[in-house]
């Protein structure tokens, strides 16, 4: 029965995938596995040769117009990219300076910084003052409560509480498949078609003439278009980047000034509130400890 190579290749690929690669199989140890290994390698060589010949023929069939188009596009892309990058960098640096100056002069950025700085300073100033006041209030409150409790204990006649103490078998089908896979994978060249195509194109004089002609025009057009597009895009991106940096500077400067003023103003109120809350809580604890220490 005839089986075409187009149908055989997927079948072989499936067989190879199924076989896997068992490192414990020595394909040279027995004649059956060695034969399978050689068979896999030969099938791969046949496929490589057929693929190469097919690619080579396709390369020889290319026309002058094919070469002109391919040469133009490849040269255009390379020249465009190089010109774009060079122009982009130059324009970006120039525009970034203009954008930074504009951003620093943005009144809205400063107003936003002042608003946020005042809110943050007021909240954090109160929290910082409360924490500091609570620390002092806890110490003072406990001492006052303990002293008051001790006096109350003595006045009621309680005595002080004492202080606390301190191979010969034939190969299996899986082994045969593994050896076939090793032979096939070790020789198979998936790039054979491409290599053949490139060789055929290189040996095709009409295609090469068109390729050369297209490259000359492609380089010129690509460089011109890339320079214009790169400059325009670099100018836009550079100004935007500079503006953002400048606006951030304005925001930060205004934020810092407003934050410091608001923080200082809120700290005192926070301190008083924290002191009062902690004093009351620790006063009760100190009083209770003093009574407990009496007996």
Protein backbone atom coordinates (compact mmCIF):
# COMPACT_ATOMS: atom_id res chain seq x y z
CA UNK A 1 0.00 0.00 0.00
CA UNK A 2 1.34 3.44 -0.95
CA UNK A 3 1.59 6.05 1.85
CA UNK A 4 2.53 9.61 0.88
CA UNK A 5 5.28 11.43 2.76
CA UNK A 6 2.76 14.14 3.67
CA UNK A 7 0.84 11.53 5.64
CA UNK A 8 3.91 9.67 6.85
CA UNK A 9 5.60 12.66 8.56
CA UNK A 10 2.80 13.21 11.13
CA UNK A 11 2.70 9.48 11.76
CA UNK A 12 6.44 9.41 12.41
CA UNK A 13 6.23 12.44 14.65
CA UNK A 14 3.51 10.75 16.70
CA UNK A 15 5.60 7.61 16.94
CA UNK A 16 8.61 9.58 18.12
CA UNK A 17 6.57 11.41 20.73
CA UNK A 18 5.11 8.12 21.96
CA UNK A 19 8.50 6.49 22.25
CA UNK A 20 9.99 9.21 24.41
CA UNK A 21 13.60 8.75 25.43
CA UNK A 22 14.33 6.05 27.99
CA UNK A 23 17.88 6.65 29.26
CA UNK A 24 18.08 3.05 30.45
CA UNK A 25 18.00 1.55 26.93
CA UNK A 26 21.32 0.77 25.21
CA UNK A 27 20.43 0.71 21.52
CA UNK A 28 23.81 -0.80 20.53
CA UNK A 29 23.53 -3.72 22.92
CA UNK A 30 21.29 -5.97 20.78
CA UNK A 31 20.94 -6.36 17.02
CA UNK A 32 17.19 -5.66 17.05
CA UNK A 33 17.51 -2.29 18.84
CA UNK A 34 20.54 -1.29 16.76
CA UNK A 35 18.58 -2.01 13.57
CA UNK A 36 15.69 0.12 14.77
CA UNK A 37 18.08 2.95 15.61
CA UNK A 38 19.59 2.83 12.11
CA UNK A 39 16.12 2.71 10.57
CA UNK A 40 15.02 5.85 12.44
CA UNK A 41 18.14 7.69 11.32
CA UNK A 42 17.65 6.63 7.69
CA UNK A 43 14.03 7.77 7.62
CA UNK A 44 15.12 11.15 9.01
CA UNK A 45 17.85 11.46 6.35
CA UNK A 46 15.33 10.69 3.61
CA UNK A 47 12.96 13.33 4.94
CA UNK A 48 15.77 15.89 5.22
CA UNK A 49 16.80 15.28 1.61
CA UNK A 50 13.24 15.51 0.29
CA UNK A 51 12.59 18.71 2.28
CA UNK A 52 15.84 20.29 1.09
CA UNK A 53 15.13 19.47 -2.56
CA UNK A 54 11.63 20.86 -2.29
CA UNK A 55 12.90 24.08 -0.73
CA UNK A 56 15.69 24.37 -3.31
CA UNK A 57 13.23 24.06 -6.17
CA UNK A 58 11.01 26.74 -4.65
CA UNK A 59 14.04 29.03 -4.38
CA UNK A 60 14.92 28.50 -8.04
CA UNK A 61 11.37 29.39 -9.06
CA UNK A 62 11.52 32.85 -7.50
CA UNK A 63 11.24 35.76 -9.98
CA UNK A 64 12.94 39.13 -10.35
CA UNK A 65 9.79 40.74 -8.94
CA UNK A 66 9.98 38.49 -5.89
CA UNK A 67 13.54 39.56 -5.29
CA UNK A 68 12.75 43.23 -5.81
CA UNK A 69 9.88 43.09 -3.32
CA UNK A 70 11.77 41.10 -0.69
CA UNK A 71 14.89 43.20 -1.05
CA UNK A 72 12.93 46.43 -0.76
CA UNK A 73 11.01 45.34 2.33
CA UNK A 74 13.98 43.95 4.24
CA UNK A 75 16.14 46.98 3.49
CA UNK A 76 13.28 49.35 4.24
CA UNK A 77 12.60 47.76 7.63
CA UNK A 78 16.25 47.87 8.69
CA UNK A 79 16.80 51.45 7.51
CA UNK A 80 13.52 52.63 9.01
CA UNK A 81 14.33 51.15 12.42
CA UNK A 82 17.81 52.66 12.54
CA UNK A 83 16.65 56.12 11.43
CA UNK A 84 13.63 56.04 13.73
CA UNK A 85 15.71 55.21 16.81
CA UNK A 86 18.32 57.89 16.12
CA UNK A 87 15.76 60.63 15.47
CA UNK A 88 13.59 59.53 18.38
CA UNK A 89 16.41 59.86 20.92
CA UNK A 90 17.42 63.31 19.69
CA UNK A 91 13.87 64.63 19.68
CA UNK A 92 13.06 63.05 23.03
CA UNK A 93 15.90 64.81 24.83
CA UNK A 94 15.06 68.19 23.35
CA UNK A 95 11.35 67.92 24.04
CA UNK A 96 11.84 66.59 27.56
CA UNK A 97 13.43 69.83 28.68
CA UNK A 98 10.52 71.88 27.32
CA UNK A 99 8.03 69.53 28.92
CA UNK A 100 9.75 69.67 32.30
CA UNK A 101 9.59 73.46 32.39
CA UNK A 102 5.91 73.38 31.48
CA UNK A 103 5.18 70.80 34.14
CA UNK A 104 6.91 72.77 36.87
CA UNK A 105 4.76 75.79 36.00
CA UNK A 106 1.52 73.81 36.29
CA UNK A 107 -0.56 75.54 38.99
CA UNK A 108 -2.87 72.56 39.29
CA UNK A 109 0.02 70.31 40.24
CA UNK A 110 1.01 72.67 43.03
CA UNK A 111 -2.58 73.01 44.25
CA UNK A 112 -2.96 69.25 44.32
CA UNK A 113 0.28 68.94 46.28
CA UNK A 114 -0.87 71.52 48.80
CA UNK A 115 -4.22 69.81 49.26
CA UNK A 116 -2.76 66.35 49.67
CA UNK A 117 0.09 67.58 51.85
CA UNK A 118 -2.28 69.36 54.19
CA UNK A 119 -4.54 66.31 54.50
CA UNK A 120 -1.63 63.94 55.09
CA UNK A 121 0.14 66.28 57.50
CA UNK A 122 -3.01 66.87 59.51
CA UNK A 123 -3.76 63.15 59.83
CA UNK A 124 -0.22 62.01 60.50
CA UNK A 125 0.50 64.93 62.81
CA UNK A 126 -2.49 64.05 64.95
CA UNK A 127 -1.51 60.37 64.96
CA UNK A 128 2.07 61.19 65.86
CA UNK A 129 1.01 63.52 68.65
CA UNK A 130 -1.50 61.01 69.96
CA UNK A 131 1.13 58.28 70.09
CA UNK A 132 3.61 60.51 71.85
CA UNK A 133 1.01 61.81 74.29
CA UNK A 134 -0.27 58.31 75.00
CA UNK A 135 3.21 57.19 76.01
CA UNK A 136 3.61 60.00 78.51
CA UNK A 137 0.04 59.74 79.71
CA UNK A 138 0.33 56.01 80.37
CA UNK A 139 3.36 56.48 82.61
CA UNK A 140 1.92 59.40 84.53
CA UNK A 141 -1.54 57.84 84.80
CA UNK A 142 -0.27 54.53 86.17
CA UNK A 143 1.93 56.24 88.75
CA UNK A 144 -0.88 58.49 89.88
CA UNK A 145 -3.36 55.62 90.08
CA UNK A 146 -1.00 53.38 91.97
CA UNK A 147 -0.20 56.11 94.47
CA UNK A 148 -3.88 56.82 95.00
CA UNK A 149 -4.64 53.13 95.46
CA UNK A 150 -1.80 52.66 97.91
CA UNK A 151 -2.99 55.54 100.02
CA UNK A 152 -6.53 54.17 100.01
CA UNK A 153 -5.23 50.74 101.02
CA UNK A 154 -3.28 52.06 104.00
CA UNK A 155 -6.15 54.25 105.12
CA UNK A 156 -8.43 51.18 105.31
CA UNK A 157 -5.99 49.22 107.56
CA UNK A 158 -4.81 46.64 105.01
CA UNK A 159 -1.30 45.26 105.58
CA UNK A 160 1.11 45.23 102.62
CA UNK A 161 0.95 42.08 100.57
CA UNK A 162 4.24 40.14 100.66
CA UNK A 163 6.27 40.22 97.48
CA UNK A 164 6.01 37.16 95.22
CA UNK A 165 8.83 34.56 95.20
CA UNK A 166 11.00 34.60 93.15
CA UNK A 167 20.29 -8.67 28.69
CA UNK A 168 19.51 -11.56 27.79
CA UNK A 169 15.79 -11.06 27.14
CA UNK A 170 14.52 -9.93 23.70
CA UNK A 171 13.78 -6.19 23.45
CA UNK A 172 10.29 -5.02 24.20
CA UNK A 173 8.25 -3.00 21.74
CA UNK A 174 8.79 0.09 23.88
CA UNK A 175 12.57 -0.34 23.72
CA UNK A 176 12.40 -0.72 19.95
CA UNK A 177 10.34 2.47 19.65
CA UNK A 178 12.80 4.29 21.92
CA UNK A 179 15.76 3.34 19.74
CA UNK A 180 13.90 4.28 16.57
CA UNK A 181 13.12 7.67 18.17
CA UNK A 182 16.76 8.25 19.08
CA UNK A 183 17.90 7.52 15.57
CA UNK A 184 15.23 9.73 14.03
CA UNK A 185 15.67 12.69 16.39
CA UNK A 186 19.45 12.57 16.13
CA UNK A 187 19.37 13.12 12.36
CA UNK A 188 16.13 14.96 11.64
CA UNK A 189 16.64 18.55 10.46
CA UNK A 190 13.48 20.63 10.68
CA UNK A 191 15.23 23.48 8.86
CA UNK A 192 15.96 21.45 5.72
CA UNK A 193 13.24 23.19 3.70
CA UNK A 194 14.50 26.63 4.69
CA UNK A 195 18.11 25.71 3.96
CA UNK A 196 17.13 24.38 0.56
CA UNK A 197 15.07 27.45 -0.21
CA UNK A 198 17.91 29.80 0.74
CA UNK A 199 20.35 27.82 -1.40
CA UNK A 200 17.98 27.85 -4.36
CA UNK A 201 17.39 31.58 -4.01
CA UNK A 202 21.15 32.18 -3.83
CA UNK A 203 21.62 30.25 -7.09
CA UNK A 204 18.81 32.16 -8.82
CA UNK A 205 20.33 35.07 -10.82
CA UNK A 206 17.02 36.78 -11.64
CA UNK A 207 15.95 36.77 -8.01
CA UNK A 208 19.34 38.09 -6.86
CA UNK A 209 19.20 40.95 -9.40
CA UNK A 210 15.75 41.95 -8.16
CA UNK A 211 16.89 41.66 -4.58
CA UNK A 212 19.75 44.09 -5.19
CA UNK A 213 17.51 46.58 -6.97
CA UNK A 214 14.90 46.51 -4.22
CA UNK A 215 17.46 47.02 -1.47
CA UNK A 216 18.69 50.29 -2.90
CA UNK A 217 15.22 51.83 -2.94
CA UNK A 218 14.27 50.28 0.38
CA UNK A 219 17.23 51.81 2.18
CA UNK A 220 16.46 55.28 0.92
CA UNK A 221 12.73 55.18 1.62
CA UNK A 222 13.13 53.49 5.00
CA UNK A 223 15.69 56.02 6.21
CA UNK A 224 13.55 58.97 5.15
CA UNK A 225 10.33 57.67 6.70
CA UNK A 226 12.03 56.48 9.86
CA UNK A 227 13.67 59.86 10.45
CA UNK A 228 10.37 61.74 10.19
CA UNK A 229 8.35 59.29 12.27
CA UNK A 230 11.07 58.95 14.89
CA UNK A 231 11.38 62.70 15.34
CA UNK A 232 7.62 63.18 15.64
CA UNK A 233 7.15 60.35 18.12
CA UNK A 234 10.21 61.31 20.14
CA UNK A 235 8.97 64.89 20.42
CA UNK A 236 5.60 63.77 21.73
CA UNK A 237 6.96 61.21 24.18
CA UNK A 238 9.78 63.46 25.37
CA UNK A 239 7.46 66.37 26.13
CA UNK A 240 5.01 64.10 27.96
CA UNK A 241 7.78 62.52 30.02
CA UNK A 242 9.32 65.87 30.88
CA UNK A 243 5.96 67.37 31.74
CA UNK A 244 5.19 64.52 34.10
CA UNK A 245 8.55 64.92 35.84
CA UNK A 246 8.11 68.67 36.14
CA UNK A 247 4.58 68.37 37.49
CA UNK A 248 5.82 65.81 40.02
CA UNK A 249 8.49 68.25 41.16
CA UNK A 250 5.92 71.02 41.60
CA UNK A 251 3.54 68.68 43.40
CA UNK A 252 6.28 67.44 45.72
CA UNK A 253 7.55 70.88 46.65
CA UNK A 254 4.07 72.19 47.47
CA UNK A 255 3.19 68.95 49.27
CA UNK A 256 6.21 69.19 51.56
CA UNK A 257 5.49 72.78 52.59
CA UNK A 258 1.82 72.13 53.30
CA UNK A 259 2.56 68.84 55.05
CA UNK A 260 5.02 70.37 57.48
CA UNK A 261 2.69 73.21 58.45
CA UNK A 262 -0.32 70.92 58.90
CA UNK A 263 1.69 68.32 60.83
CA UNK A 264 2.95 70.87 63.34
CA UNK A 265 -0.53 72.26 63.84
CA UNK A 266 -2.17 68.88 64.41
CA UNK A 267 0.55 67.41 66.61
CA UNK A 268 -0.46 69.39 69.72
CA UNK A 269 -4.11 68.45 69.48
CA UNK A 270 -3.18 64.81 69.00
CA UNK A 271 -0.81 64.86 71.94
CA UNK A 272 -3.44 66.23 74.29
CA UNK A 273 -6.02 63.67 73.19
CA UNK A 274 -3.59 60.77 73.45
CA UNK A 275 -2.34 61.87 76.84
CA UNK A 276 -5.84 62.18 78.27
CA UNK A 277 -7.02 58.80 76.97
CA UNK A 278 -3.93 56.92 78.15
CA UNK A 279 -3.83 58.68 81.52
CA UNK A 280 -7.40 57.67 82.34
CA UNK A 281 -6.88 54.05 81.27
CA UNK A 282 -3.60 53.57 83.09
CA UNK A 283 -4.82 55.41 86.19
CA UNK A 284 -7.43 52.72 86.70
CA UNK A 285 -4.86 49.96 86.12
CA UNK A 286 -2.40 51.48 88.58
CA UNK A 287 -5.08 51.90 91.21
CA UNK A 288 -6.17 48.27 90.83
CA UNK A 289 -2.56 47.00 91.10
CA UNK A 290 -1.99 48.98 94.29
CA UNK A 291 -5.09 47.51 95.95
CA UNK A 292 -4.04 44.00 94.84
CA UNK A 293 -0.60 44.48 96.40
CA UNK A 294 -2.22 45.20 99.81
CA UNK A 295 -3.20 42.41 102.16
